[in-house]
């Protein structure tokens, strides 16, 4: 049976592996990161950080980077300031983790919120 390929637009036999298909290479580091994100240890640390940050987005709390509401407790995520792919050893360090909403998390991941500023926000959390 022939089917149209969604990768190259040609017609192939069903089950044919097209060369144009995107196949990311899995590295040992990538597998470690994936395994870590589903671990019980990470889930426990993530909950601790959210509790430390009073279940509020720390960027919204300081009214920076297009904040819509100051006390934002919706769609919270814990962000690694120094990414896991750059330094896996800092994965559970409190000084490398901050609670932010998913909007600010995307900004931080894209580099629109500087690392120094996020680190400074953590220092203000510890002074509460």
PDB file of N, CA and C in Angstrom:
ATOM      1  N   UNK A   1       0.853  -1.174   0.000  1.00  0.00           N
ATOM      2  CA  UNK A   1       0.000   0.000   0.000  1.00  0.00           C
ATOM      3  C   UNK A   1       0.898   1.236   0.000  1.00  0.00           C
ATOM      4  N   UNK A   2       0.577   2.215  -0.804  1.00  0.00           N
ATOM      5  CA  UNK A   2       1.346   3.441  -0.902  1.00  0.00           C
ATOM      6  C   UNK A   2       0.686   4.553  -0.098  1.00  0.00           C
ATOM      7  N   UNK A   3       1.528   5.375   0.532  1.00  0.00           N
ATOM      8  CA  UNK A   3       1.020   6.506   1.309  1.00  0.00           C
ATOM      9  C   UNK A   3       1.882   7.726   1.009  1.00  0.00           C
ATOM     10  N   UNK A   4       1.283   8.895   1.191  1.00  0.00           N
ATOM     11  CA  UNK A   4       1.998  10.143   0.995  1.00  0.00           C
ATOM     12  C   UNK A   4       2.840  10.442   2.230  1.00  0.00           C
ATOM     13  N   UNK A   5       4.108  10.809   2.013  1.00  0.00           N
ATOM     14  CA  UNK A   5       5.027  11.083   3.118  1.00  0.00           C
ATOM     15  C   UNK A   5       4.823  12.511   3.623  1.00  0.00           C
ATOM     16  N   UNK A   6       4.662  12.654   4.932  1.00  0.00           N
ATOM     17  CA  UNK A   6       4.459  13.989   5.504  1.00  0.00           C
ATOM     18  C   UNK A   6       5.779  14.762   5.625  1.00  0.00           C
ATOM     19  N   UNK A   7       6.900  14.097   5.438  1.00  0.00           N
ATOM     20  CA  UNK A   7       8.203  14.747   5.562  1.00  0.00           C
ATOM     21  C   UNK A   7       8.714  15.293   4.231  1.00  0.00           C
ATOM     22  N   UNK A   8       8.620  14.487   3.166  1.00  0.00           N
ATOM     23  CA  UNK A   8       9.182  14.938   1.883  1.00  0.00           C
ATOM     24  C   UNK A   8       8.125  15.172   0.810  1.00  0.00           C
ATOM     25  N   UNK A   9       6.898  14.692   1.026  1.00  0.00           N
ATOM     26  CA  UNK A   9       5.822  14.908   0.063  1.00  0.00           C
ATOM     27  C   UNK A   9       5.750  13.849  -1.024  1.00  0.00           C
ATOM     28  N   UNK A  10       6.683  12.924  -1.071  1.00  0.00           N
ATOM     29  CA  UNK A  10       6.669  11.853  -2.070  1.00  0.00           C
ATOM     30  C   UNK A  10       5.779  10.710  -1.596  1.00  0.00           C
ATOM     31  N   UNK A  11       5.563   9.763  -2.489  1.00  0.00           N
ATOM     32  CA  UNK A  11       4.755   8.602  -2.156  1.00  0.00           C
ATOM     33  C   UNK A  11       5.700   7.436  -1.871  1.00  0.00           C
ATOM     34  N   UNK A  12       5.496   6.802  -0.709  1.00  0.00           N
ATOM     35  CA  UNK A  12       6.314   5.659  -0.301  1.00  0.00           C
ATOM     36  C   UNK A  12       5.411   4.496   0.056  1.00  0.00           C
ATOM     37  N   UNK A  13       6.038   3.344   0.195  1.00  0.00           N
ATOM     38  CA  UNK A  13       5.332   2.196   0.705  1.00  0.00           C
ATOM     39  C   UNK A  13       5.105   2.372   2.197  1.00  0.00           C
ATOM     40  N   UNK A  14       3.984   1.891   2.707  1.00  0.00           N
ATOM     41  CA  UNK A  14       3.683   2.032   4.127  1.00  0.00           C
ATOM     42  C   UNK A  14       4.804   1.365   4.936  1.00  0.00           C
ATOM     43  N   UNK A  15       5.276   2.066   5.978  1.00  0.00           N
ATOM     44  CA  UNK A  15       6.344   1.542   6.828  1.00  0.00           C
ATOM     45  C   UNK A  15       7.731   1.996   6.403  1.00  0.00           C
ATOM     46  N   UNK A  16       7.850   2.679   5.250  1.00  0.00           N
ATOM     47  CA  UNK A  16       9.153   3.153   4.781  1.00  0.00           C
ATOM     48  C   UNK A  16       9.665   4.271   5.686  1.00  0.00           C
ATOM     49  N   UNK A  17      10.922   4.226   6.090  1.00  0.00           N
ATOM     50  CA  UNK A  17      11.536   5.257   6.930  1.00  0.00           C
ATOM     51  C   UNK A  17      12.169   6.316   6.025  1.00  0.00           C
ATOM     52  N   UNK A  18      11.534   7.466   5.944  1.00  0.00           N
ATOM     53  CA  UNK A  18      11.997   8.551   5.079  1.00  0.00           C
ATOM     54  C   UNK A  18      13.263   9.191   5.652  1.00  0.00           C
ATOM     55  N   UNK A  19      14.220   9.511   4.782  1.00  0.00           N
ATOM     56  CA  UNK A  19      15.466  10.156   5.196  1.00  0.00           C
ATOM     57  C   UNK A  19      15.251  11.591   5.654  1.00  0.00           C
ATOM     58  N   UNK A  20      14.154  12.194   5.242  1.00  0.00           N
ATOM     59  CA  UNK A  20      13.880  13.586   5.607  1.00  0.00           C
ATOM     60  C   UNK A  20      13.254  13.719   6.997  1.00  0.00           C
ATOM     61  N   UNK A  21      12.839  12.605   7.573  1.00  0.00           N
ATOM     62  CA  UNK A  21      12.207  12.634   8.898  1.00  0.00           C
ATOM     63  C   UNK A  21      13.215  13.082   9.937  1.00  0.00           C
ATOM     64  N   UNK A  22      12.766  13.949  10.831  1.00  0.00           N
ATOM     65  CA  UNK A  22      13.631  14.452  11.897  1.00  0.00           C
ATOM     66  C   UNK A  22      13.754  13.396  12.979  1.00  0.00           C
ATOM     67  N   UNK A  23      14.978  13.004  13.256  1.00  0.00           N
ATOM     68  CA  UNK A  23      15.241  12.033  14.318  1.00  0.00           C
ATOM     69  C   UNK A  23      16.326  12.600  15.215  1.00  0.00           C
ATOM     70  N   UNK A  24      15.930  13.178  16.349  1.00  0.00           N
ATOM     71  CA  UNK A  24      16.957  13.736  17.237  1.00  0.00           C
ATOM     72  C   UNK A  24      17.828  12.629  17.804  1.00  0.00           C
ATOM     73  N   UNK A  25      19.108  12.929  17.930  1.00  0.00           N
ATOM     74  CA  UNK A  25      20.033  11.965  18.500  1.00  0.00           C
ATOM     75  C   UNK A  25      19.942  12.035  20.009  1.00  0.00           C
ATOM     76  N   UNK A  26      19.789  10.899  20.628  1.00  0.00           N
ATOM     77  CA  UNK A  26      19.739  10.839  22.084  1.00  0.00           C
ATOM     78  C   UNK A  26      21.150  10.622  22.601  1.00  0.00           C
ATOM     79  N   UNK A  27      21.558  11.486  23.482  1.00  0.00           N
ATOM     80  CA  UNK A  27      22.864  11.338  24.099  1.00  0.00           C
ATOM     81  C   UNK A  27      22.683  10.840  25.526  1.00  0.00           C
ATOM     82  N   UNK A  28      23.754  10.426  26.125  1.00  0.00           N
ATOM     83  CA  UNK A  28      23.697   9.968  27.510  1.00  0.00           C
ATOM     84  C   UNK A  28      23.213  11.100  28.412  1.00  0.00           C
ATOM     85  N   UNK A  29      23.694  12.340  28.162  1.00  0.00           N
ATOM     86  CA  UNK A  29      23.283  13.487  28.971  1.00  0.00           C
ATOM     87  C   UNK A  29      21.791  13.750  28.828  1.00  0.00           C
ATOM     88  N   UNK A  30      21.281  13.683  27.606  1.00  0.00           N
ATOM     89  CA  UNK A  30      19.852  13.924  27.371  1.00  0.00           C
ATOM     90  C   UNK A  30      19.017  12.868  28.090  1.00  0.00           C
ATOM     91  N   UNK A  31      19.458  11.623  28.059  1.00  0.00           N
ATOM     92  CA  UNK A  31      18.728  10.559  28.754  1.00  0.00           C
ATOM     93  C   UNK A  31      18.744  10.783  30.260  1.00  0.00           C
ATOM     94  N   UNK A  32      19.868  11.245  30.801  1.00  0.00           N
ATOM     95  CA  UNK A  32      19.942  11.532  32.234  1.00  0.00           C
ATOM     96  C   UNK A  32      18.975  12.643  32.622  1.00  0.00           C
ATOM     97  N   UNK A  33      18.874  13.667  31.785  1.00  0.00           N
ATOM     98  CA  UNK A  33      17.974  14.788  32.060  1.00  0.00           C
ATOM     99  C   UNK A  33      16.524  14.319  32.022  1.00  0.00           C
ATOM    100  N   UNK A  34      16.171  13.531  31.035  1.00  0.00           N
ATOM    101  CA  UNK A  34      14.801  13.014  30.925  1.00  0.00           C
ATOM    102  C   UNK A  34      14.467  12.145  32.132  1.00  0.00           C
ATOM    103  N   UNK A  35      15.395  11.284  32.524  1.00  0.00           N
ATOM    104  CA  UNK A  35      15.183  10.417  33.683  1.00  0.00           C
ATOM    105  C   UNK A  35      15.052  11.242  34.960  1.00  0.00           C
ATOM    106  N   UNK A  36      15.872  12.288  35.084  1.00  0.00           N
ATOM    107  CA  UNK A  36      15.832  13.135  36.273  1.00  0.00           C
ATOM    108  C   UNK A  36      14.493  13.845  36.413  1.00  0.00           C
ATOM    109  N   UNK A  37      13.967  14.379  35.326  1.00  0.00           N
ATOM    110  CA  UNK A  37      12.722  15.153  35.386  1.00  0.00           C
ATOM    111  C   UNK A  37      11.518  14.320  35.828  1.00  0.00           C
ATOM    112  N   UNK A  38      11.594  13.015  35.684  1.00  0.00           N
ATOM    113  CA  UNK A  38      10.480  12.178  36.133  1.00  0.00           C
ATOM    114  C   UNK A  38      10.780  11.486  37.462  1.00  0.00           C
ATOM    115  N   UNK A  39      11.883  11.832  38.086  1.00  0.00           N
ATOM    116  CA  UNK A  39      12.266  11.171  39.338  1.00  0.00           C
ATOM    117  C   UNK A  39      11.496  11.727  40.530  1.00  0.00           C
ATOM    118  N   UNK A  40      11.382  10.899  41.559  1.00  0.00           N
ATOM    119  CA  UNK A  40      10.740  11.310  42.796  1.00  0.00           C
ATOM    120  C   UNK A  40      11.532  12.405  43.489  1.00  0.00           C
ATOM    121  N   UNK A  41      12.854  12.332  43.364  1.00  0.00           N
ATOM    122  CA  UNK A  41      13.736  13.320  43.977  1.00  0.00           C
ATOM    123  C   UNK A  41      13.460  14.723  43.419  1.00  0.00           C
ATOM    124  N   UNK A  42      13.296  14.832  42.086  1.00  0.00           N
ATOM    125  CA  UNK A  42      13.012  16.126  41.470  1.00  0.00           C
ATOM    126  C   UNK A  42      11.634  16.632  41.886  1.00  0.00           C
ATOM    127  N   UNK A  43      10.653  15.766  41.907  1.00  0.00           N
ATOM    128  CA  UNK A  43       9.295  16.186  42.277  1.00  0.00           C
ATOM    129  C   UNK A  43       9.262  16.719  43.713  1.00  0.00           C
ATOM    130  N   UNK A  44      10.015  16.074  44.596  1.00  0.00           N
ATOM    131  CA  UNK A  44      10.082  16.542  45.979  1.00  0.00           C
ATOM    132  C   UNK A  44      10.771  17.902  46.061  1.00  0.00           C
ATOM    133  N   UNK A  45      11.900  18.062  45.351  1.00  0.00           N
ATOM    134  CA  UNK A  45      12.634  19.333  45.361  1.00  0.00           C
ATOM    135  C   UNK A  45      11.793  20.440  44.740  1.00  0.00           C
ATOM    136  N   UNK A  46      11.084  20.132  43.671  1.00  0.00           N
ATOM    137  CA  UNK A  46      10.221  21.110  43.006  1.00  0.00           C
ATOM    138  C   UNK A  46       9.155  21.632  43.966  1.00  0.00           C
ATOM    139  N   UNK A  47       8.564  20.742  44.743  1.00  0.00           N
ATOM    140  CA  UNK A  47       7.556  21.156  45.719  1.00  0.00           C
ATOM    141  C   UNK A  47       8.170  22.012  46.827  1.00  0.00           C
ATOM    142  N   UNK A  48       9.387  21.676  47.256  1.00  0.00           N
ATOM    143  CA  UNK A  48      10.084  22.470  48.273  1.00  0.00           C
ATOM    144  C   UNK A  48      10.344  23.893  47.784  1.00  0.00           C
ATOM    145  N   UNK A  49      10.761  24.021  46.533  1.00  0.00           N
ATOM    146  CA  UNK A  49      11.070  25.347  45.978  1.00  0.00           C
ATOM    147  C   UNK A  49       9.801  26.174  45.850  1.00  0.00           C
ATOM    148  N   UNK A  50       8.719  25.565  45.411  1.00  0.00           N
ATOM    149  CA  UNK A  50       7.448  26.291  45.324  1.00  0.00           C
ATOM    150  C   UNK A  50       7.001  26.766  46.696  1.00  0.00           C
ATOM    151  N   UNK A  51       7.178  25.923  47.686  1.00  0.00           N
ATOM    152  CA  UNK A  51       6.813  26.310  49.053  1.00  0.00           C
ATOM    153  C   UNK A  51       7.709  27.442  49.535  1.00  0.00           C
ATOM    154  N   UNK A  52       9.023  27.352  49.274  1.00  0.00           N
ATOM    155  CA  UNK A  52       9.965  28.405  49.662  1.00  0.00           C
ATOM    156  C   UNK A  52       9.573  29.753  49.040  1.00  0.00           C
ATOM    157  N   UNK A  53       9.118  29.703  47.798  1.00  0.00           N
ATOM    158  CA  UNK A  53       8.746  30.920  47.068  1.00  0.00           C
ATOM    159  C   UNK A  53       7.288  31.315  47.291  1.00  0.00           C
ATOM    160  N   UNK A  54       6.653  30.712  48.282  1.00  0.00           N
ATOM    161  CA  UNK A  54       5.276  31.041  48.688  1.00  0.00           C
ATOM    162  C   UNK A  54       4.249  30.806  47.577  1.00  0.00           C
ATOM    163  N   UNK A  55       4.536  29.864  46.688  1.00  0.00           N
ATOM    164  CA  UNK A  55       3.650  29.519  45.576  1.00  0.00           C
ATOM    165  C   UNK A  55       3.279  30.730  44.724  1.00  0.00           C
ATOM    166  N   UNK A  56       4.267  31.602  44.501  1.00  0.00           N
ATOM    167  CA  UNK A  56       4.082  32.796  43.674  1.00  0.00           C
ATOM    168  C   UNK A  56       5.194  32.894  42.636  1.00  0.00           C
ATOM    169  N   UNK A  57       4.863  33.421  41.465  1.00  0.00           N
ATOM    170  CA  UNK A  57       5.874  33.701  40.451  1.00  0.00           C
ATOM    171  C   UNK A  57       6.746  34.850  40.950  1.00  0.00           C
ATOM    172  N   UNK A  58       8.033  34.623  41.051  1.00  0.00           N
ATOM    173  CA  UNK A  58       8.935  35.618  41.617  1.00  0.00           C
ATOM    174  C   UNK A  58       9.165  36.792  40.666  1.00  0.00           C
ATOM    175  N   UNK A  59       9.039  36.571  39.370  1.00  0.00           N
ATOM    176  CA  UNK A  59       9.180  37.669  38.406  1.00  0.00           C
ATOM    177  C   UNK A  59       7.949  38.565  38.451  1.00  0.00           C
ATOM    178  N   UNK A  60       6.774  37.961  38.520  1.00  0.00           N
ATOM    179  CA  UNK A  60       5.535  38.750  38.633  1.00  0.00           C
ATOM    180  C   UNK A  60       5.514  39.536  39.941  1.00  0.00           C
ATOM    181  N   UNK A  61       6.008  38.933  41.002  1.00  0.00           N
ATOM    182  CA  UNK A  61       6.017  39.566  42.310  1.00  0.00           C
ATOM    183  C   UNK A  61       6.817  40.869  42.301  1.00  0.00           C
ATOM    184  N   UNK A  62       7.872  40.903  41.500  1.00  0.00           N
ATOM    185  CA  UNK A  62       8.688  42.117  41.375  1.00  0.00           C
ATOM    186  C   UNK A  62       8.191  43.035  40.261  1.00  0.00           C
ATOM    187  N   UNK A  63       7.079  42.655  39.618  1.00  0.00           N
ATOM    188  CA  UNK A  63       6.439  43.466  38.577  1.00  0.00           C
ATOM    189  C   UNK A  63       7.407  43.792  37.441  1.00  0.00           C
ATOM    190  N   UNK A  64       8.006  42.743  36.861  1.00  0.00           N
ATOM    191  CA  UNK A  64       8.960  42.912  35.764  1.00  0.00           C
ATOM    192  C   UNK A  64       8.540  42.070  34.569  1.00  0.00           C
ATOM    193  N   UNK A  65       9.030  42.441  33.407  1.00  0.00           N
ATOM    194  CA  UNK A  65       8.870  41.666  32.171  1.00  0.00           C
ATOM    195  C   UNK A  65       7.411  41.363  31.843  1.00  0.00           C
ATOM    196  N   UNK A  66       6.653  42.402  31.600  1.00  0.00           N
ATOM    197  CA  UNK A  66       5.274  42.302  31.114  1.00  0.00           C
ATOM    198  C   UNK A  66       4.348  41.556  32.069  1.00  0.00           C
ATOM    199  N   UNK A  67       4.467  41.847  33.344  1.00  0.00           N
ATOM    200  CA  UNK A  67       3.633  41.203  34.356  1.00  0.00           C
ATOM    201  C   UNK A  67       2.194  41.680  34.223  1.00  0.00           C
ATOM    202  N   UNK A  68       1.256  40.719  34.228  1.00  0.00           N
ATOM    203  CA  UNK A  68      -0.160  41.056  34.156  1.00  0.00           C
ATOM    204  C   UNK A  68      -0.787  41.145  35.545  1.00  0.00           C
ATOM    205  N   UNK A  69      -0.342  40.301  36.452  1.00  0.00           N
ATOM    206  CA  UNK A  69      -0.832  40.341  37.837  1.00  0.00           C
ATOM    207  C   UNK A  69       0.352  40.121  38.766  1.00  0.00           C
ATOM    208  N   UNK A  70       0.401  40.887  39.827  1.00  0.00           N
ATOM    209  CA  UNK A  70       1.558  40.846  40.723  1.00  0.00           C
ATOM    210  C   UNK A  70       1.577  39.552  41.533  1.00  0.00           C
ATOM    211  N   UNK A  71       0.455  39.133  42.063  1.00  0.00           N
ATOM    212  CA  UNK A  71       0.401  37.914  42.864  1.00  0.00           C
ATOM    213  C   UNK A  71      -0.082  36.774  41.980  1.00  0.00           C
ATOM    214  N   UNK A  72       0.814  36.283  41.151  1.00  0.00           N
ATOM    215  CA  UNK A  72       0.460  35.241  40.194  1.00  0.00           C
ATOM    216  C   UNK A  72       0.776  33.870  40.781  1.00  0.00           C
ATOM    217  N   UNK A  73      -0.259  33.065  40.990  1.00  0.00           N
ATOM    218  CA  UNK A  73      -0.076  31.719  41.507  1.00  0.00           C
ATOM    219  C   UNK A  73      -0.633  30.682  40.539  1.00  0.00           C
ATOM    220  N   UNK A  74      -0.804  31.062  39.268  1.00  0.00           N
ATOM    221  CA  UNK A  74      -1.316  30.172  38.233  1.00  0.00           C
ATOM    222  C   UNK A  74      -0.176  29.676  37.343  1.00  0.00           C
ATOM    223  N   UNK A  75      -0.268  28.446  36.902  1.00  0.00           N
ATOM    224  CA  UNK A  75       0.677  27.855  35.949  1.00  0.00           C
ATOM    225  C   UNK A  75       2.125  27.995  36.402  1.00  0.00           C
ATOM    226  N   UNK A  76       2.414  27.642  37.630  1.00  0.00           N
ATOM    227  CA  UNK A  76       3.758  27.787  38.177  1.00  0.00           C
ATOM    228  C   UNK A  76       4.658  26.638  37.751  1.00  0.00           C
ATOM    229  N   UNK A  77       5.920  26.966  37.504  1.00  0.00           N
ATOM    230  CA  UNK A  77       6.935  25.989  37.149  1.00  0.00           C
ATOM    231  C   UNK A  77       8.212  26.350  37.897  1.00  0.00           C
ATOM    232  N   UNK A  78       9.045  25.366  38.128  1.00  0.00           N
ATOM    233  CA  UNK A  78      10.334  25.620  38.761  1.00  0.00           C
ATOM    234  C   UNK A  78      11.391  25.628  37.667  1.00  0.00           C
ATOM    235  N   UNK A  79      12.137  26.716  37.614  1.00  0.00           N
ATOM    236  CA  UNK A  79      13.112  26.953  36.546  1.00  0.00           C
ATOM    237  C   UNK A  79      14.526  26.733  37.054  1.00  0.00           C
ATOM    238  N   UNK A  80      15.345  26.018  36.273  1.00  0.00           N
ATOM    239  CA  UNK A  80      16.776  25.897  36.541  1.00  0.00           C
ATOM    240  C   UNK A  80      17.453  27.112  35.914  1.00  0.00           C
ATOM    241  N   UNK A  81      18.024  27.975  36.721  1.00  0.00           N
ATOM    242  CA  UNK A  81      18.654  29.196  36.208  1.00  0.00           C
ATOM    243  C   UNK A  81      19.825  28.832  35.304  1.00  0.00           C
ATOM    244  N   UNK A  82      20.697  27.976  35.780  1.00  0.00           N
ATOM    245  CA  UNK A  82      21.742  27.422  34.919  1.00  0.00           C
ATOM    246  C   UNK A  82      21.191  26.088  34.421  1.00  0.00           C
ATOM    247  N   UNK A  83      20.971  25.957  33.111  1.00  0.00           N
ATOM    248  CA  UNK A  83      20.283  24.783  32.573  1.00  0.00           C
ATOM    249  C   UNK A  83      20.989  23.472  32.899  1.00  0.00           C
ATOM    250  N   UNK A  84      20.207  22.418  32.944  1.00  0.00           N
ATOM    251  CA  UNK A  84      20.735  21.092  33.237  1.00  0.00           C
ATOM    252  C   UNK A  84      21.771  20.643  32.215  1.00  0.00           C
ATOM    253  N   UNK A  85      21.572  21.035  30.961  1.00  0.00           N
ATOM    254  CA  UNK A  85      22.515  20.618  29.922  1.00  0.00           C
ATOM    255  C   UNK A  85      23.876  21.305  30.074  1.00  0.00           C
ATOM    256  N   UNK A  86      23.915  22.434  30.770  1.00  0.00           N
ATOM    257  CA  UNK A  86      25.186  23.125  30.984  1.00  0.00           C
ATOM    258  C   UNK A  86      25.886  22.667  32.253  1.00  0.00           C
ATOM    259  N   UNK A  87      25.127  22.415  33.312  1.00  0.00           N
ATOM    260  CA  UNK A  87      25.725  21.954  34.562  1.00  0.00           C
ATOM    261  C   UNK A  87      24.718  21.071  35.298  1.00  0.00           C
ATOM    262  N   UNK A  88      24.819  19.777  35.066  1.00  0.00           N
ATOM    263  CA  UNK A  88      23.884  18.811  35.651  1.00  0.00           C
ATOM    264  C   UNK A  88      24.058  18.701  37.158  1.00  0.00           C
ATOM    265  N   UNK A  89      25.222  19.064  37.657  1.00  0.00           N
ATOM    266  CA  UNK A  89      25.507  18.959  39.091  1.00  0.00           C
ATOM    267  C   UNK A  89      24.660  19.932  39.924  1.00  0.00           C
ATOM    268  N   UNK A  90      24.178  21.007  39.315  1.00  0.00           N
ATOM    269  CA  UNK A  90      23.380  22.011  40.035  1.00  0.00           C
ATOM    270  C   UNK A  90      21.879  21.699  40.004  1.00  0.00           C
ATOM    271  N   UNK A  91      21.517  20.507  39.618  1.00  0.00           N
ATOM    272  CA  UNK A  91      20.105  20.181  39.407  1.00  0.00           C
ATOM    273  C   UNK A  91      19.236  20.292  40.653  1.00  0.00           C
ATOM    274  N   UNK A  92      19.811  20.106  41.839  1.00  0.00           N
ATOM    275  CA  UNK A  92      19.025  20.161  43.077  1.00  0.00           C
ATOM    276  C   UNK A  92      19.466  21.274  44.009  1.00  0.00           C
ATOM    277  N   UNK A  93      20.289  22.198  43.541  1.00  0.00           N
ATOM    278  CA  UNK A  93      20.763  23.312  44.364  1.00  0.00           C
ATOM    279  C   UNK A  93      19.670  24.371  44.495  1.00  0.00           C
ATOM    280  N   UNK A  94      19.366  24.766  45.722  1.00  0.00           N
ATOM    281  CA  UNK A  94      18.343  25.786  45.951  1.00  0.00           C
ATOM    282  C   UNK A  94      18.692  27.106  45.267  1.00  0.00           C
ATOM    283  N   UNK A  95      19.972  27.436  45.206  1.00  0.00           N
ATOM    284  CA  UNK A  95      20.403  28.706  44.596  1.00  0.00           C
ATOM    285  C   UNK A  95      20.253  28.712  43.080  1.00  0.00           C
ATOM    286  N   UNK A  96      19.954  27.565  42.484  1.00  0.00           N
ATOM    287  CA  UNK A  96      19.801  27.482  41.035  1.00  0.00           C
ATOM    288  C   UNK A  96      18.340  27.301  40.621  1.00  0.00           C
ATOM    289  N   UNK A  97      17.423  27.285  41.577  1.00  0.00           N
ATOM    290  CA  UNK A  97      16.013  27.016  41.288  1.00  0.00           C
ATOM    291  C   UNK A  97      15.139  28.184  41.731  1.00  0.00           C
ATOM    292  N   UNK A  98      14.166  28.510  40.883  1.00  0.00           N
ATOM    293  CA  UNK A  98      13.250  29.605  41.200  1.00  0.00           C
ATOM    294  C   UNK A  98      11.866  29.269  40.642  1.00  0.00           C
ATOM    295  N   UNK A  99      10.827  29.684  41.354  1.00  0.00           N
ATOM    296  CA  UNK A  99       9.451  29.469  40.916  1.00  0.00           C
ATOM    297  C   UNK A  99       9.011  30.637  40.050  1.00  0.00           C
ATOM    298  N   UNK A 100       8.574  30.317  38.837  1.00  0.00           N
ATOM    299  CA  UNK A 100       8.052  31.342  37.926  1.00  0.00           C
ATOM    300  C   UNK A 100       6.872  30.763  37.148  1.00  0.00           C
ATOM    301  N   UNK A 101       6.049  31.650  36.608  1.00  0.00           N
ATOM    302  CA  UNK A 101       4.903  31.210  35.809  1.00  0.00           C
ATOM    303  C   UNK A 101       5.403  30.738  34.440  1.00  0.00           C
ATOM    304  N   UNK A 102       4.540  30.036  33.702  1.00  0.00           N
ATOM    305  CA  UNK A 102       4.999  29.485  32.429  1.00  0.00           C
ATOM    306  C   UNK A 102       5.342  30.571  31.415  1.00  0.00           C
ATOM    307  N   UNK A 103       4.703  31.737  31.471  1.00  0.00           N
ATOM    308  CA  UNK A 103       5.032  32.845  30.568  1.00  0.00           C
ATOM    309  C   UNK A 103       6.463  33.318  30.808  1.00  0.00           C
ATOM    310  N   UNK A 104       6.804  33.566  32.067  1.00  0.00           N
ATOM    311  CA  UNK A 104       8.153  34.018  32.390  1.00  0.00           C
ATOM    312  C   UNK A 104       9.178  32.890  32.232  1.00  0.00           C
ATOM    313  N   UNK A 105       8.732  31.647  32.369  1.00  0.00           N
ATOM    314  CA  UNK A 105       9.635  30.522  32.152  1.00  0.00           C
ATOM    315  C   UNK A 105      10.094  30.480  30.699  1.00  0.00           C
ATOM    316  N   UNK A 106       9.166  30.724  29.778  1.00  0.00           N
ATOM    317  CA  UNK A 106       9.537  30.766  28.358  1.00  0.00           C
ATOM    318  C   UNK A 106      10.505  31.905  28.090  1.00  0.00           C
ATOM    319  N   UNK A 107      10.252  33.066  28.695  1.00  0.00           N
ATOM    320  CA  UNK A 107      11.177  34.189  28.533  1.00  0.00           C
ATOM    321  C   UNK A 107      12.569  33.855  29.075  1.00  0.00           C
ATOM    322  N   UNK A 108      12.605  33.216  30.231  1.00  0.00           N
ATOM    323  CA  UNK A 108      13.887  32.859  30.844  1.00  0.00           C
ATOM    324  C   UNK A 108      14.627  31.819  30.006  1.00  0.00           C
ATOM    325  N   UNK A 109      13.915  30.840  29.483  1.00  0.00           N
ATOM    326  CA  UNK A 109      14.535  29.808  28.653  1.00  0.00           C
ATOM    327  C   UNK A 109      15.113  30.403  27.365  1.00  0.00           C
ATOM    328  N   UNK A 110      14.466  31.428  26.839  1.00  0.00           N
ATOM    329  CA  UNK A 110      14.953  32.071  25.612  1.00  0.00           C
ATOM    330  C   UNK A 110      16.048  33.101  25.872  1.00  0.00           C
ATOM    331  N   UNK A 111      16.364  33.346  27.145  1.00  0.00           N
ATOM    332  CA  UNK A 111      17.426  34.290  27.482  1.00  0.00           C
ATOM    333  C   UNK A 111      16.961  35.727  27.594  1.00  0.00           C
ATOM    334  N   UNK A 112      15.654  35.966  27.593  1.00  0.00           N
ATOM    335  CA  UNK A 112      15.130  37.329  27.690  1.00  0.00           C
ATOM    336  C   UNK A 112      15.149  37.866  29.119  1.00  0.00           C
ATOM    337  N   UNK A 113      15.296  36.988  30.103  1.00  0.00           N
ATOM    338  CA  UNK A 113      15.484  37.402  31.488  1.00  0.00           C
ATOM    339  C   UNK A 113      16.900  36.981  31.868  1.00  0.00           C
ATOM    340  N   UNK A 114      17.784  37.918  32.178  1.00  0.00           N
ATOM    341  CA  UNK A 114      19.189  37.581  32.452  1.00  0.00           C
ATOM    342  C   UNK A 114      19.361  36.674  33.671  1.00  0.00           C
ATOM    343  N   UNK A 115      20.359  35.832  33.602  1.00  0.00           N
ATOM    344  CA  UNK A 115      20.669  34.896  34.688  1.00  0.00           C
ATOM    345  C   UNK A 115      20.976  35.651  35.977  1.00  0.00           C
ATOM    346  N   UNK A 116      21.720  36.753  35.866  1.00  0.00           N
ATOM    347  CA  UNK A 116      22.072  37.533  37.053  1.00  0.00           C
ATOM    348  C   UNK A 116      20.828  38.059  37.762  1.00  0.00           C
ATOM    349  N   UNK A 117      19.842  38.468  36.983  1.00  0.00           N
ATOM    350  CA  UNK A 117      18.622  39.000  37.581  1.00  0.00           C
ATOM    351  C   UNK A 117      17.826  37.904  38.291  1.00  0.00           C
ATOM    352  N   UNK A 118      17.758  36.721  37.686  1.00  0.00           N
ATOM    353  CA  UNK A 118      17.064  35.606  38.333  1.00  0.00           C
ATOM    354  C   UNK A 118      17.771  35.196  39.622  1.00  0.00           C
ATOM    355  N   UNK A 119      19.090  35.197  39.607  1.00  0.00           N
ATOM    356  CA  UNK A 119      19.856  34.876  40.806  1.00  0.00           C
ATOM    357  C   UNK A 119      19.601  35.906  41.898  1.00  0.00           C
ATOM    358  N   UNK A 120      19.505  37.166  41.514  1.00  0.00           N
ATOM    359  CA  UNK A 120      19.189  38.226  42.477  1.00  0.00           C
ATOM    360  C   UNK A 120      17.810  38.062  43.081  1.00  0.00           C
ATOM    361  N   UNK A 121      16.868  37.563  42.292  1.00  0.00           N
ATOM    362  CA  UNK A 121      15.519  37.335  42.806  1.00  0.00           C
ATOM    363  C   UNK A 121      15.517  36.257  43.880  1.00  0.00           C
ATOM    364  N   UNK A 122      16.348  35.255  43.731  1.00  0.00           N
ATOM    365  CA  UNK A 122      16.438  34.194  44.739  1.00  0.00           C
ATOM    366  C   UNK A 122      16.959  34.764  46.045  1.00  0.00           C
ATOM    367  N   UNK A 123      17.933  35.657  45.963  1.00  0.00           N
ATOM    368  CA  UNK A 123      18.486  36.260  47.179  1.00  0.00           C
ATOM    369  C   UNK A 123      17.433  37.063  47.924  1.00  0.00           C
ATOM    370  N   UNK A 124      16.509  37.702  47.200  1.00  0.00           N
ATOM    371  CA  UNK A 124      15.442  38.447  47.859  1.00  0.00           C
ATOM    372  C   UNK A 124      14.444  37.508  48.510  1.00  0.00           C
ATOM    373  N   UNK A 125      14.266  36.307  47.950  1.00  0.00           N
ATOM    374  CA  UNK A 125      13.358  35.318  48.546  1.00  0.00           C
ATOM    375  C   UNK A 125      13.886  34.875  49.890  1.00  0.00           C
ATOM    376  N   UNK A 126      15.189  34.665  49.997  1.00  0.00           N
ATOM    377  CA  UNK A 126      15.782  34.189  51.248  1.00  0.00           C
ATOM    378  C   UNK A 126      15.759  35.241  52.343  1.00  0.00           C
ATOM    379  N   UNK A 127      15.533  36.510  51.999  1.00  0.00           N
ATOM    380  CA  UNK A 127      15.521  37.549  53.019  1.00  0.00           C
ATOM    381  C   UNK A 127      14.145  37.766  53.628  1.00  0.00           C
ATOM    382  N   UNK A 128      13.119  37.021  53.184  1.00  0.00           N
ATOM    383  CA  UNK A 128      11.764  37.185  53.727  1.00  0.00           C
ATOM    384  C   UNK A 128      11.735  36.821  55.186  1.00  0.00           C
TER     385      UNK A 128
END
